[in-house]
Protein backbone atom coordinates (compact mmCIF):
# COMPACT_ATOMS: atom_id res chain seq x y z
CA MET A 1 -0.17 5.91 -6.24
CA GLU A 2 -2.15 8.09 -3.76
CA LEU A 3 -3.70 6.25 -0.80
CA ILE A 4 -7.32 7.49 0.99
CA THR A 5 -7.66 5.92 4.01
CA SER A 6 -10.40 7.60 5.33
CA SER A 7 -14.36 7.56 4.48
CA GLU A 8 -14.70 10.00 1.47
CA LYS A 9 -15.75 7.89 -1.23
CA HIS A 10 -15.95 4.61 0.04
CA PRO A 11 -17.75 3.96 3.90
CA SER A 12 -15.93 1.41 5.97
CA LEU A 13 -17.40 -1.74 6.98
CA GLU A 14 -17.85 -0.55 10.61
CA GLU A 15 -19.91 2.19 9.16
CA VAL A 16 -22.21 0.37 6.94
CA GLN A 17 -22.58 -2.15 9.62
CA ALA A 18 -24.10 0.76 11.70
CA GLN A 19 -26.61 1.62 8.79
CA PHE A 20 -28.18 -2.03 8.65
CA GLU A 21 -28.21 -2.43 12.46
CA GLN A 22 -30.41 1.31 12.75
CA TRP A 23 -32.30 -0.05 9.52
CA ARG A 24 -33.06 -3.51 11.40
CA ARG A 25 -34.14 -1.27 14.35
CA SER A 26 -36.76 0.68 12.66
CA ARG A 27 -37.90 -1.66 10.06
CA GLY A 28 -41.34 -3.36 9.64
CA LYS A 29 -41.19 -7.49 9.78
CA ARG A 30 -40.16 -9.10 6.48
CA GLN A 31 -39.49 -5.72 4.82
CA ALA A 32 -37.08 -5.46 2.00
CA ILE A 33 -33.41 -4.50 2.50
CA PRO A 34 -33.56 -0.77 0.52
CA ALA A 35 -31.30 -0.13 -2.41
CA SER A 36 -29.01 1.91 -1.09
CA LEU A 37 -28.34 -0.46 2.05
CA TRP A 38 -27.46 -2.95 -0.71
CA ALA A 39 -25.53 -0.20 -2.81
CA ALA A 40 -23.84 0.58 0.51
CA ALA A 41 -22.86 -2.96 1.35
CA SER A 42 -21.70 -3.36 -2.37
CA SER A 43 -19.41 -0.46 -2.33
CA LEU A 44 -17.27 -2.17 0.20
CA TYR A 45 -16.51 -5.60 -2.11
CA PRO A 46 -13.27 -5.74 -3.31
CA SER A 47 -11.83 -3.82 -0.42
CA TYR A 48 -13.74 -6.71 1.65
CA SER A 49 -14.12 -10.46 0.63
CA LEU A 50 -17.86 -10.67 0.22
CA HIS A 51 -17.90 -13.81 2.66
CA ARG A 52 -16.74 -11.11 5.42
CA ILE A 53 -19.19 -8.55 4.22
CA SER A 54 -22.10 -11.07 4.18
CA LYS A 55 -20.91 -12.58 7.70
CA THR A 56 -20.93 -8.82 9.63
CA LEU A 57 -23.86 -7.45 7.61
CA GLY A 58 -26.08 -11.08 7.90
CA LEU A 59 -26.50 -10.97 4.38
CA ASN A 60 -27.25 -13.92 2.16
CA HIS A 61 -23.93 -14.41 0.24
CA THR A 62 -25.84 -14.99 -3.07
CA LYS A 63 -28.10 -11.86 -2.88
CA LEU A 64 -25.02 -9.68 -2.02
CA LYS A 65 -23.49 -11.22 -5.35
CA HIS A 66 -26.14 -10.12 -7.45
CA HIS A 67 -25.54 -6.49 -6.39
CA ILE A 68 -22.28 -6.23 -6.95
CA LYS A 69 -21.09 -3.75 -9.97
CA ARG A 70 -18.77 -6.74 -11.86
CA PRO A 71 -17.19 -4.44 -14.71
CA SER A 72 -17.83 -4.62 -18.16
CA PRO A 73 -15.25 -6.31 -20.79
CA GLY A 74 -13.05 -3.68 -22.18
CA LEU A 75 -13.21 -1.25 -18.94
CA PRO A 76 -10.29 -1.33 -16.96
CA MET A 77 -10.20 -3.20 -13.55
CA GLU A 78 -10.06 -1.70 -10.41
CA ALA A 79 -6.22 -1.15 -8.29
CA ALA A 80 -7.67 -4.29 -6.46
CA GLU A 81 -8.57 -6.35 -8.81
CA ALA A 82 -5.79 -5.84 -11.11
CA PHE A 83 -2.72 -8.04 -11.88
CA ILE A 84 0.37 -7.36 -10.10
CA GLU A 85 3.61 -8.90 -11.03
CA LEU A 86 6.07 -9.48 -8.43
CA GLY A 87 9.49 -8.51 -10.00
CA PHE A 88 12.17 -10.92 -8.20
CA ALA A 89 13.79 -14.19 -8.96
CA SER A 90 14.56 -17.20 -6.86
CA PRO A 91 17.57 -16.62 -5.11
CA SER A 92 19.10 -19.70 -6.97
CA PRO A 93 17.74 -22.33 -9.10
CA ASP A 94 17.64 -24.85 -6.15
CA ARG A 95 15.98 -22.78 -3.48
CA GLN A 96 12.04 -22.29 -3.49
CA CYS A 97 10.56 -19.06 -2.53
CA VAL A 98 7.30 -18.22 -0.48
CA VAL A 99 4.99 -15.32 -1.08
CA ASP A 100 2.87 -14.93 1.50
CA MET A 101 0.02 -11.90 0.45
CA ARG A 102 -2.68 -10.84 2.73
CA HIS A 103 -5.50 -8.86 2.07
CA CYS A 104 -5.47 -5.32 2.61
CA ASN A 105 -8.14 -2.81 3.09
CA ILE A 106 -6.86 0.26 1.08
CA HIS A 107 -8.65 2.00 -1.47
CA SER A 108 -6.69 3.98 -4.03
CA ALA A 109 -7.78 7.10 -6.05
CA PRO A 110 -8.81 7.46 -9.23
């Protein structure tokens, strides 16, 4: 699997945060967030959690959820949402294994 580490396809959280800061400095009072900024924020998911995106960008979590494009039924899931089977067994029946999973910000190439 080839990994994309630059922002060729997906902007980073910091890049989108800078876009929001620039827009907030130049907007009028009570002006709605433009669709392009919602799209940029939405593109960060699932690389970042909804909580982290909304907190960092100062967005309403519920409104952000409505802008996230969920895959239609029958379409393949993104790599980050796919099931991952771990191919190992417990060393012995009387021992337990603990698997510590952490969120990674890696995009896979299509």
